[in-house]
Amino acid sequence: MLLTQRVSATINNKPEIIWDFVSDPKNWTASNSLEHRGLKIFSKTGLPETGAALHQQEYVAGVFADLKGHFLYVDRPKVGVWTGIATYKLLAGLLKIRIPEGGTVTLTEVENGWEFAHDVFMDFSDSLFGKILYWCFIHLFEGQKAVFEHANREVIYFKTHLEKVVT
């Protein structure tokens, strides 16, 4: 079962400036200081590129997640696609649940700037255990709302900071 969420904002700046700001791991971590605990990108530049590995630690819906993955495709400044496995640690780490996750970041020209969008997904197994996890995440942890709020904080941060930058 797939949980998906799209967040976006129109940013009035040059696409290269938007892309470079957003793709910097320091800025990504700062974009949601309530929940992000760090992002490392393993490439020569430390920035997203096709095939580069990534490691992010964060909280989602109040649960710590340790995500390891890689970038499937990056075309600066248009699109970046990432995928990984997030290990959610419950009960002080006694219970570890692995969820495939991913996302697509896009920049699209619109009438009054550039639409920055991040489409994210969590792929819960179709097994009985996966269905129970999905139900708990949606109903007990208000997961859909939590994922939206998490990603939307990032987008608002980027818009706020990038529209202060001289273009």
N, C-alpha and C. Protein backbone atom coordinates (compact mmCIF):
# COMPACT_ATOMS: atom_id res chain seq x y z
N MET A 1 0.85 -1.17 0.00
CA MET A 1 0.00 0.00 0.00
C MET A 1 0.89 1.23 0.00
N LEU A 2 0.54 2.11 -0.87
CA LEU A 2 1.38 3.28 -1.10
C LEU A 2 0.77 4.51 -0.45
N LEU A 3 1.57 5.19 0.37
CA LEU A 3 1.18 6.49 0.88
C LEU A 3 1.96 7.50 0.05
N THR A 4 1.26 8.43 -0.59
CA THR A 4 1.91 9.45 -1.40
C THR A 4 1.53 10.82 -0.89
N GLN A 5 2.42 11.77 -1.12
CA GLN A 5 2.14 13.15 -0.74
C GLN A 5 2.89 14.07 -1.69
N ARG A 6 2.23 15.11 -2.13
CA ARG A 6 2.84 16.13 -2.98
C ARG A 6 2.77 17.47 -2.25
N VAL A 7 3.90 18.16 -2.21
CA VAL A 7 3.93 19.52 -1.70
C VAL A 7 4.64 20.37 -2.74
N SER A 8 4.22 21.63 -2.85
CA SER A 8 4.86 22.50 -3.83
C SER A 8 4.66 23.96 -3.44
N ALA A 9 5.49 24.79 -4.03
CA ALA A 9 5.37 26.23 -3.86
C ALA A 9 6.00 26.89 -5.08
N THR A 10 5.48 28.04 -5.43
CA THR A 10 6.08 28.83 -6.50
C THR A 10 7.13 29.74 -5.87
N ILE A 11 8.34 29.67 -6.42
CA ILE A 11 9.46 30.46 -5.90
C ILE A 11 9.92 31.41 -6.99
N ASN A 12 10.03 32.68 -6.63
CA ASN A 12 10.46 33.70 -7.58
C ASN A 12 11.97 33.86 -7.48
N ASN A 13 12.70 33.05 -8.24
CA ASN A 13 14.15 33.11 -8.30
C ASN A 13 14.58 32.31 -9.52
N LYS A 14 15.87 32.33 -9.84
CA LYS A 14 16.40 31.56 -10.97
C LYS A 14 16.45 30.08 -10.62
N PRO A 15 16.16 29.20 -11.58
CA PRO A 15 16.11 27.77 -11.26
C PRO A 15 17.45 27.22 -10.74
N GLU A 16 18.56 27.69 -11.26
CA GLU A 16 19.86 27.20 -10.79
C GLU A 16 20.10 27.60 -9.34
N ILE A 17 19.68 28.80 -8.97
CA ILE A 17 19.84 29.26 -7.58
C ILE A 17 18.94 28.43 -6.66
N ILE A 18 17.71 28.19 -7.09
CA ILE A 18 16.79 27.35 -6.30
C ILE A 18 17.40 25.96 -6.12
N TRP A 19 17.80 25.36 -7.23
CA TRP A 19 18.32 23.99 -7.20
C TRP A 19 19.54 23.89 -6.29
N ASP A 20 20.47 24.81 -6.45
CA ASP A 20 21.71 24.74 -5.67
C ASP A 20 21.45 24.92 -4.18
N PHE A 21 20.51 25.79 -3.82
CA PHE A 21 20.17 25.99 -2.42
C PHE A 21 19.49 24.75 -1.84
N VAL A 22 18.51 24.25 -2.56
CA VAL A 22 17.73 23.10 -2.08
C VAL A 22 18.59 21.84 -1.98
N SER A 23 19.51 21.65 -2.91
CA SER A 23 20.28 20.40 -2.95
C SER A 23 21.46 20.38 -1.99
N ASP A 24 21.75 21.49 -1.34
CA ASP A 24 22.84 21.53 -0.35
C ASP A 24 22.36 20.83 0.92
N PRO A 25 23.06 19.77 1.36
CA PRO A 25 22.63 19.03 2.55
C PRO A 25 22.44 19.90 3.80
N LYS A 26 23.25 20.95 3.96
CA LYS A 26 23.08 21.84 5.12
C LYS A 26 21.72 22.54 5.05
N ASN A 27 21.36 23.02 3.87
CA ASN A 27 20.08 23.71 3.71
C ASN A 27 18.92 22.75 3.84
N TRP A 28 19.08 21.53 3.31
CA TRP A 28 18.01 20.54 3.43
C TRP A 28 17.76 20.21 4.89
N THR A 29 18.83 20.02 5.64
CA THR A 29 18.69 19.72 7.06
C THR A 29 18.03 20.88 7.79
N ALA A 30 18.44 22.11 7.47
CA ALA A 30 17.87 23.31 8.12
C ALA A 30 16.42 23.53 7.74
N SER A 31 15.99 23.00 6.61
CA SER A 31 14.63 23.25 6.13
C SER A 31 13.55 22.69 7.04
N ASN A 32 13.91 21.76 7.89
CA ASN A 32 12.96 21.21 8.85
C ASN A 32 13.72 20.87 10.12
N SER A 33 14.18 21.91 10.80
CA SER A 33 15.03 21.71 11.97
C SER A 33 14.32 20.98 13.11
N LEU A 34 12.99 20.96 13.08
CA LEU A 34 12.25 20.22 14.11
C LEU A 34 12.43 18.71 13.96
N GLU A 35 12.62 18.25 12.72
CA GLU A 35 12.63 16.80 12.49
C GLU A 35 13.90 16.27 11.81
N HIS A 36 14.60 17.07 11.05
CA HIS A 36 15.81 16.59 10.38
C HIS A 36 16.97 16.51 11.36
N ARG A 37 17.73 15.44 11.25
CA ARG A 37 18.91 15.25 12.10
C ARG A 37 20.19 15.13 11.28
N GLY A 38 20.10 15.33 9.99
CA GLY A 38 21.30 15.32 9.15
C GLY A 38 21.10 14.57 7.85
N LEU A 39 21.79 15.07 6.83
CA LEU A 39 21.78 14.46 5.50
C LEU A 39 23.20 14.44 4.98
N LYS A 40 23.64 13.29 4.52
CA LYS A 40 24.94 13.16 3.86
C LYS A 40 24.70 12.61 2.47
N ILE A 41 25.38 13.20 1.50
CA ILE A 41 25.33 12.72 0.12
C ILE A 41 26.74 12.31 -0.26
N PHE A 42 26.88 11.10 -0.72
CA PHE A 42 28.19 10.53 -1.02
C PHE A 42 28.49 10.64 -2.52
N SER A 43 28.96 11.84 -2.88
CA SER A 43 29.39 12.12 -4.25
C SER A 43 30.65 12.97 -4.16
N LYS A 44 31.33 13.19 -5.26
CA LYS A 44 32.57 13.99 -5.25
C LYS A 44 32.31 15.40 -4.73
N THR A 45 31.15 15.96 -5.04
CA THR A 45 30.83 17.33 -4.64
C THR A 45 30.03 17.39 -3.34
N GLY A 46 29.53 16.25 -2.88
CA GLY A 46 28.66 16.24 -1.71
C GLY A 46 27.24 16.67 -2.04
N LEU A 47 26.94 16.74 -3.34
CA LEU A 47 25.62 17.16 -3.81
C LEU A 47 24.97 16.03 -4.60
N PRO A 48 23.65 16.11 -4.81
CA PRO A 48 22.98 15.05 -5.55
C PRO A 48 23.51 14.89 -6.98
N GLU A 49 23.71 13.64 -7.35
CA GLU A 49 24.01 13.29 -8.74
C GLU A 49 23.55 11.86 -8.95
N THR A 50 23.27 11.52 -10.18
CA THR A 50 22.78 10.19 -10.49
C THR A 50 23.73 9.14 -9.93
N GLY A 51 23.16 8.20 -9.16
CA GLY A 51 23.93 7.11 -8.58
C GLY A 51 24.52 7.38 -7.22
N ALA A 52 24.55 8.64 -6.78
CA ALA A 52 25.14 8.96 -5.48
C ALA A 52 24.30 8.39 -4.34
N ALA A 53 24.97 7.87 -3.34
CA ALA A 53 24.28 7.36 -2.15
C ALA A 53 23.92 8.53 -1.23
N LEU A 54 22.91 8.29 -0.40
CA LEU A 54 22.52 9.29 0.58
C LEU A 54 22.18 8.61 1.89
N HIS A 55 22.33 9.38 2.97
CA HIS A 55 21.98 8.89 4.31
C HIS A 55 21.35 10.05 5.05
N GLN A 56 20.09 9.87 5.44
CA GLN A 56 19.38 10.92 6.16
C GLN A 56 18.79 10.35 7.44
N GLN A 57 18.90 11.13 8.51
CA GLN A 57 18.26 10.79 9.76
C GLN A 57 17.24 11.88 10.07
N GLU A 58 16.05 11.44 10.47
CA GLU A 58 14.97 12.39 10.71
C GLU A 58 13.88 11.74 11.54
N TYR A 59 12.94 12.58 11.95
CA TYR A 59 11.73 12.10 12.60
C TYR A 59 10.57 12.32 11.64
N VAL A 60 9.71 11.32 11.52
CA VAL A 60 8.48 11.43 10.74
C VAL A 60 7.36 10.92 11.63
N ALA A 61 6.33 11.73 11.82
CA ALA A 61 5.21 11.39 12.69
C ALA A 61 5.69 11.05 14.10
N GLY A 62 6.75 11.72 14.51
CA GLY A 62 7.28 11.52 15.86
C GLY A 62 8.14 10.28 16.03
N VAL A 63 8.43 9.56 14.95
CA VAL A 63 9.21 8.32 15.02
C VAL A 63 10.54 8.55 14.30
N PHE A 64 11.64 8.14 14.94
CA PHE A 64 12.96 8.30 14.35
C PHE A 64 13.11 7.36 13.16
N ALA A 65 13.66 7.91 12.06
CA ALA A 65 13.89 7.13 10.85
C ALA A 65 15.33 7.32 10.39
N ASP A 66 15.97 6.23 10.06
CA ASP A 66 17.33 6.23 9.53
C ASP A 66 17.22 5.74 8.09
N LEU A 67 17.33 6.68 7.14
CA LEU A 67 17.11 6.37 5.72
C LEU A 67 18.43 6.26 4.99
N LYS A 68 18.60 5.17 4.27
CA LYS A 68 19.77 4.98 3.41
C LYS A 68 19.26 4.68 2.01
N GLY A 69 19.81 5.39 1.04
CA GLY A 69 19.36 5.20 -0.32
C GLY A 69 20.31 5.80 -1.32
N HIS A 70 19.77 6.15 -2.48
CA HIS A 70 20.58 6.76 -3.53
C HIS A 70 19.70 7.54 -4.49
N PHE A 71 20.36 8.32 -5.31
CA PHE A 71 19.66 9.09 -6.34
C PHE A 71 19.60 8.26 -7.61
N LEU A 72 18.39 7.99 -8.06
CA LEU A 72 18.20 7.23 -9.29
C LEU A 72 18.51 8.07 -10.52
N TYR A 73 18.16 9.36 -10.45
CA TYR A 73 18.34 10.24 -11.60
C TYR A 73 18.37 11.68 -11.13
N VAL A 74 19.34 12.44 -11.63
CA VAL A 74 19.43 13.87 -11.33
C VAL A 74 19.73 14.61 -12.62
N ASP A 75 18.92 15.61 -12.92
CA ASP A 75 19.13 16.49 -14.06
C ASP A 75 18.98 17.92 -13.57
N ARG A 76 20.09 18.49 -13.06
CA ARG A 76 20.10 19.84 -12.51
C ARG A 76 19.76 20.84 -13.62
N PRO A 77 18.88 21.78 -13.43
CA PRO A 77 18.05 22.08 -12.28
C PRO A 77 16.60 21.64 -12.45
N LYS A 78 16.35 20.55 -13.14
CA LYS A 78 14.98 20.18 -13.48
C LYS A 78 14.37 19.12 -12.57
N VAL A 79 15.12 18.05 -12.32
CA VAL A 79 14.52 16.92 -11.62
C VAL A 79 15.57 16.12 -10.85
N GLY A 80 15.15 15.60 -9.72
CA GLY A 80 15.96 14.66 -8.95
C GLY A 80 15.05 13.58 -8.41
N VAL A 81 15.46 12.34 -8.57
CA VAL A 81 14.66 11.20 -8.11
C VAL A 81 15.51 10.40 -7.13
N TRP A 82 14.95 10.16 -5.94
CA TRP A 82 15.69 9.42 -4.93
C TRP A 82 14.86 8.24 -4.42
N THR A 83 15.54 7.25 -3.88
CA THR A 83 14.86 6.09 -3.31
C THR A 83 15.72 5.55 -2.17
N GLY A 84 15.08 4.87 -1.25
CA GLY A 84 15.83 4.30 -0.15
C GLY A 84 14.95 3.44 0.75
N ILE A 85 15.56 2.97 1.79
CA ILE A 85 14.86 2.20 2.83
C ILE A 85 15.03 2.97 4.14
N ALA A 86 13.91 3.30 4.75
CA ALA A 86 13.94 3.99 6.05
C ALA A 86 13.68 2.96 7.13
N THR A 87 14.55 2.92 8.10
CA THR A 87 14.37 2.05 9.26
C THR A 87 13.79 2.90 10.38
N TYR A 88 12.53 2.64 10.71
CA TYR A 88 11.84 3.36 11.78
C TYR A 88 12.07 2.60 13.08
N LYS A 89 12.48 3.34 14.10
CA LYS A 89 12.82 2.71 15.38
C LYS A 89 11.77 3.07 16.42
N LEU A 90 11.05 2.04 16.85
CA LEU A 90 10.01 2.20 17.86
C LEU A 90 10.45 1.55 19.16
N LEU A 91 9.82 1.95 20.25
CA LEU A 91 10.11 1.38 21.57
C LEU A 91 11.60 1.45 21.88
N ALA A 92 12.15 2.67 21.77
CA ALA A 92 13.57 2.93 22.04
C ALA A 92 14.49 2.06 21.19
N GLY A 93 14.05 1.77 19.97
CA GLY A 93 14.88 0.99 19.05
C GLY A 93 14.73 -0.51 19.16
N LEU A 94 13.87 -0.99 20.07
CA LEU A 94 13.67 -2.43 20.21
C LEU A 94 12.94 -3.02 19.01
N LEU A 95 12.07 -2.21 18.40
CA LEU A 95 11.34 -2.63 17.22
C LEU A 95 11.78 -1.77 16.05
N LYS A 96 12.31 -2.42 15.02
CA LYS A 96 12.78 -1.71 13.82
C LYS A 96 11.95 -2.15 12.63
N ILE A 97 11.36 -1.17 11.99
CA ILE A 97 10.50 -1.45 10.84
C ILE A 97 11.09 -0.76 9.61
N ARG A 98 11.28 -1.52 8.56
CA ARG A 98 11.88 -0.99 7.34
C ARG A 98 10.79 -0.71 6.30
N ILE A 99 10.81 0.53 5.80
CA ILE A 99 9.81 0.96 4.81
C ILE A 99 10.54 1.53 3.59
N PRO A 100 10.27 1.00 2.40
CA PRO A 100 10.81 1.63 1.20
C PRO A 100 10.18 3.01 1.02
N GLU A 101 11.03 3.99 0.72
CA GLU A 101 10.56 5.36 0.52
C GLU A 101 11.26 5.95 -0.69
N GLY A 102 10.72 7.04 -1.18
CA GLY A 102 11.35 7.73 -2.29
C GLY A 102 10.67 9.03 -2.58
N GLY A 103 11.21 9.72 -3.56
CA GLY A 103 10.62 10.99 -3.93
C GLY A 103 11.17 11.52 -5.23
N THR A 104 10.45 12.48 -5.76
CA THR A 104 10.85 13.18 -6.97
C THR A 104 10.77 14.68 -6.69
N VAL A 105 11.88 15.36 -6.91
CA VAL A 105 11.93 16.81 -6.77
C VAL A 105 11.96 17.39 -8.18
N THR A 106 11.05 18.36 -8.43
CA THR A 106 11.01 18.96 -9.77
C THR A 106 10.96 20.48 -9.67
N LEU A 107 11.50 21.11 -10.68
CA LEU A 107 11.38 22.55 -10.87
C LEU A 107 10.75 22.75 -12.24
N THR A 108 9.60 23.43 -12.25
CA THR A 108 8.86 23.66 -13.48
C THR A 108 8.55 25.15 -13.60
N GLU A 109 8.82 25.71 -14.76
CA GLU A 109 8.54 27.13 -14.95
C GLU A 109 7.03 27.35 -14.98
N VAL A 110 6.59 28.34 -14.22
CA VAL A 110 5.18 28.74 -14.20
C VAL A 110 5.14 30.25 -14.42
N GLU A 111 3.93 30.79 -14.50
CA GLU A 111 3.75 32.19 -14.86
C GLU A 111 4.54 33.16 -13.98
N ASN A 112 4.56 32.96 -12.68
CA ASN A 112 5.18 33.92 -11.79
C ASN A 112 6.40 33.38 -11.04
N GLY A 113 7.15 32.47 -11.69
CA GLY A 113 8.35 31.94 -11.07
C GLY A 113 8.58 30.49 -11.45
N TRP A 114 9.04 29.74 -10.48
CA TRP A 114 9.31 28.31 -10.68
C TRP A 114 8.60 27.52 -9.60
N GLU A 115 7.84 26.52 -10.03
CA GLU A 115 7.20 25.65 -9.05
C GLU A 115 8.22 24.62 -8.59
N PHE A 116 8.52 24.66 -7.29
CA PHE A 116 9.34 23.64 -6.67
C PHE A 116 8.38 22.63 -6.06
N ALA A 117 8.48 21.38 -6.47
CA ALA A 117 7.59 20.34 -5.96
C ALA A 117 8.40 19.15 -5.48
N HIS A 118 7.90 18.53 -4.42
CA HIS A 118 8.48 17.30 -3.92
C HIS A 118 7.34 16.29 -3.74
N ASP A 119 7.37 15.25 -4.54
CA ASP A 119 6.42 14.15 -4.44
C ASP A 119 7.13 13.02 -3.69
N VAL A 120 6.58 12.62 -2.55
CA VAL A 120 7.21 11.58 -1.75
C VAL A 120 6.27 10.38 -1.62
N PHE A 121 6.87 9.22 -1.33
CA PHE A 121 6.04 8.03 -1.12
C PHE A 121 6.65 7.16 -0.03
N MET A 122 5.78 6.40 0.59
CA MET A 122 6.15 5.33 1.51
C MET A 122 5.41 4.09 1.01
N ASP A 123 6.13 2.99 0.85
CA ASP A 123 5.55 1.79 0.26
C ASP A 123 5.43 0.68 1.31
N PHE A 124 4.25 0.60 1.91
CA PHE A 124 4.00 -0.42 2.93
C PHE A 124 3.70 -1.75 2.24
N SER A 125 4.24 -2.82 2.77
CA SER A 125 4.05 -4.15 2.21
C SER A 125 2.57 -4.52 2.16
N ASP A 126 2.20 -5.31 1.16
CA ASP A 126 0.83 -5.79 1.05
C ASP A 126 0.55 -7.00 1.94
N SER A 127 1.52 -7.37 2.76
CA SER A 127 1.33 -8.48 3.70
C SER A 127 0.39 -8.05 4.82
N LEU A 128 -0.05 -8.99 5.63
CA LEU A 128 -0.90 -8.66 6.77
C LEU A 128 -0.19 -7.69 7.71
N PHE A 129 1.10 -7.95 7.98
CA PHE A 129 1.87 -7.05 8.84
C PHE A 129 1.95 -5.65 8.23
N GLY A 130 2.19 -5.57 6.92
CA GLY A 130 2.25 -4.28 6.23
C GLY A 130 0.93 -3.54 6.31
N LYS A 131 -0.16 -4.25 6.18
CA LYS A 131 -1.48 -3.62 6.26
C LYS A 131 -1.75 -3.09 7.67
N ILE A 132 -1.31 -3.83 8.67
CA ILE A 132 -1.46 -3.38 10.06
C ILE A 132 -0.60 -2.13 10.29
N LEU A 133 0.65 -2.16 9.79
CA LEU A 133 1.54 -0.99 9.92
C LEU A 133 0.94 0.23 9.24
N TYR A 134 0.43 0.03 8.05
CA TYR A 134 -0.17 1.13 7.29
C TYR A 134 -1.35 1.72 8.07
N TRP A 135 -2.22 0.85 8.57
CA TRP A 135 -3.38 1.32 9.34
C TRP A 135 -2.91 2.10 10.58
N CYS A 136 -1.94 1.55 11.30
CA CYS A 136 -1.43 2.24 12.50
C CYS A 136 -0.82 3.58 12.13
N PHE A 137 -0.02 3.61 11.06
CA PHE A 137 0.63 4.85 10.66
C PHE A 137 -0.41 5.91 10.30
N ILE A 138 -1.41 5.53 9.54
CA ILE A 138 -2.44 6.48 9.09
C ILE A 138 -3.33 6.91 10.25
N HIS A 139 -3.79 5.97 11.06
CA HIS A 139 -4.80 6.27 12.07
C HIS A 139 -4.23 6.64 13.45
N LEU A 140 -3.23 5.94 13.90
CA LEU A 140 -2.69 6.22 15.23
C LEU A 140 -1.66 7.35 15.23
N PHE A 141 -0.85 7.40 14.18
CA PHE A 141 0.20 8.42 14.09
C PHE A 141 -0.19 9.60 13.19
N GLU A 142 -1.43 9.57 12.65
CA GLU A 142 -1.89 10.59 11.70
C GLU A 142 -0.85 10.80 10.63
N GLY A 143 -0.42 9.69 10.01
CA GLY A 143 0.70 9.67 9.09
C GLY A 143 0.56 10.54 7.86
N GLN A 144 -0.62 10.55 7.23
CA GLN A 144 -0.78 11.37 6.03
C GLN A 144 -0.58 12.84 6.36
N LYS A 145 -1.19 13.28 7.44
CA LYS A 145 -1.04 14.66 7.89
C LYS A 145 0.41 14.94 8.27
N ALA A 146 1.04 14.01 8.99
CA ALA A 146 2.42 14.20 9.43
C ALA A 146 3.38 14.30 8.25
N VAL A 147 3.20 13.46 7.23
CA VAL A 147 4.07 13.51 6.05
C VAL A 147 3.87 14.83 5.31
N PHE A 148 2.61 15.27 5.18
CA PHE A 148 2.37 16.56 4.53
C PHE A 148 3.05 17.69 5.30
N GLU A 149 2.84 17.74 6.60
CA GLU A 149 3.42 18.82 7.40
C GLU A 149 4.94 18.79 7.36
N HIS A 150 5.52 17.61 7.40
CA HIS A 150 6.97 17.44 7.34
C HIS A 150 7.52 18.02 6.03
N ALA A 151 6.97 17.58 4.92
CA ALA A 151 7.45 18.03 3.61
C ALA A 151 7.10 19.49 3.34
N ASN A 152 5.96 19.93 3.81
CA ASN A 152 5.55 21.31 3.58
C ASN A 152 6.44 22.30 4.33
N ARG A 153 6.90 21.93 5.53
CA ARG A 153 7.84 22.79 6.26
C ARG A 153 9.09 23.04 5.42
N GLU A 154 9.56 21.98 4.74
CA GLU A 154 10.73 22.11 3.89
C GLU A 154 10.47 23.12 2.76
N VAL A 155 9.36 22.95 2.08
CA VAL A 155 9.03 23.81 0.95
C VAL A 155 8.86 25.27 1.38
N ILE A 156 8.20 25.49 2.48
CA ILE A 156 8.01 26.86 2.98
C ILE A 156 9.36 27.49 3.32
N TYR A 157 10.23 26.72 3.95
CA TYR A 157 11.57 27.20 4.28
C TYR A 157 12.31 27.63 3.00
N PHE A 158 12.28 26.78 1.99
CA PHE A 158 12.98 27.10 0.74
C PHE A 158 12.42 28.36 0.11
N LYS A 159 11.10 28.44 0.03
CA LYS A 159 10.47 29.62 -0.57
C LYS A 159 10.86 30.89 0.20
N THR A 160 10.75 30.84 1.50
CA THR A 160 11.07 32.01 2.34
C THR A 160 12.51 32.46 2.15
N HIS A 161 13.44 31.52 2.18
CA HIS A 161 14.84 31.88 2.08
C HIS A 161 15.23 32.28 0.66
N LEU A 162 14.71 31.62 -0.32
CA LEU A 162 15.11 31.89 -1.70
C LEU A 162 14.52 33.18 -2.25
N GLU A 163 13.40 33.61 -1.73
CA GLU A 163 12.84 34.87 -2.22
C GLU A 163 13.49 36.07 -1.54
N LYS A 164 14.35 35.83 -0.53
CA LYS A 164 15.15 36.89 0.08
C LYS A 164 16.45 37.10 -0.70
N VAL A 165 16.87 36.05 -1.44
CA VAL A 165 18.14 36.09 -2.19
C VAL A 165 17.96 36.94 -3.42
N VAL A 166 18.89 37.79 -3.69
CA VAL A 166 18.85 38.63 -4.90
C VAL A 166 19.06 37.72 -6.11
N THR A 167 18.17 37.86 -7.10
CA THR A 167 18.27 37.03 -8.30
C THR A 167 19.11 37.68 -9.36
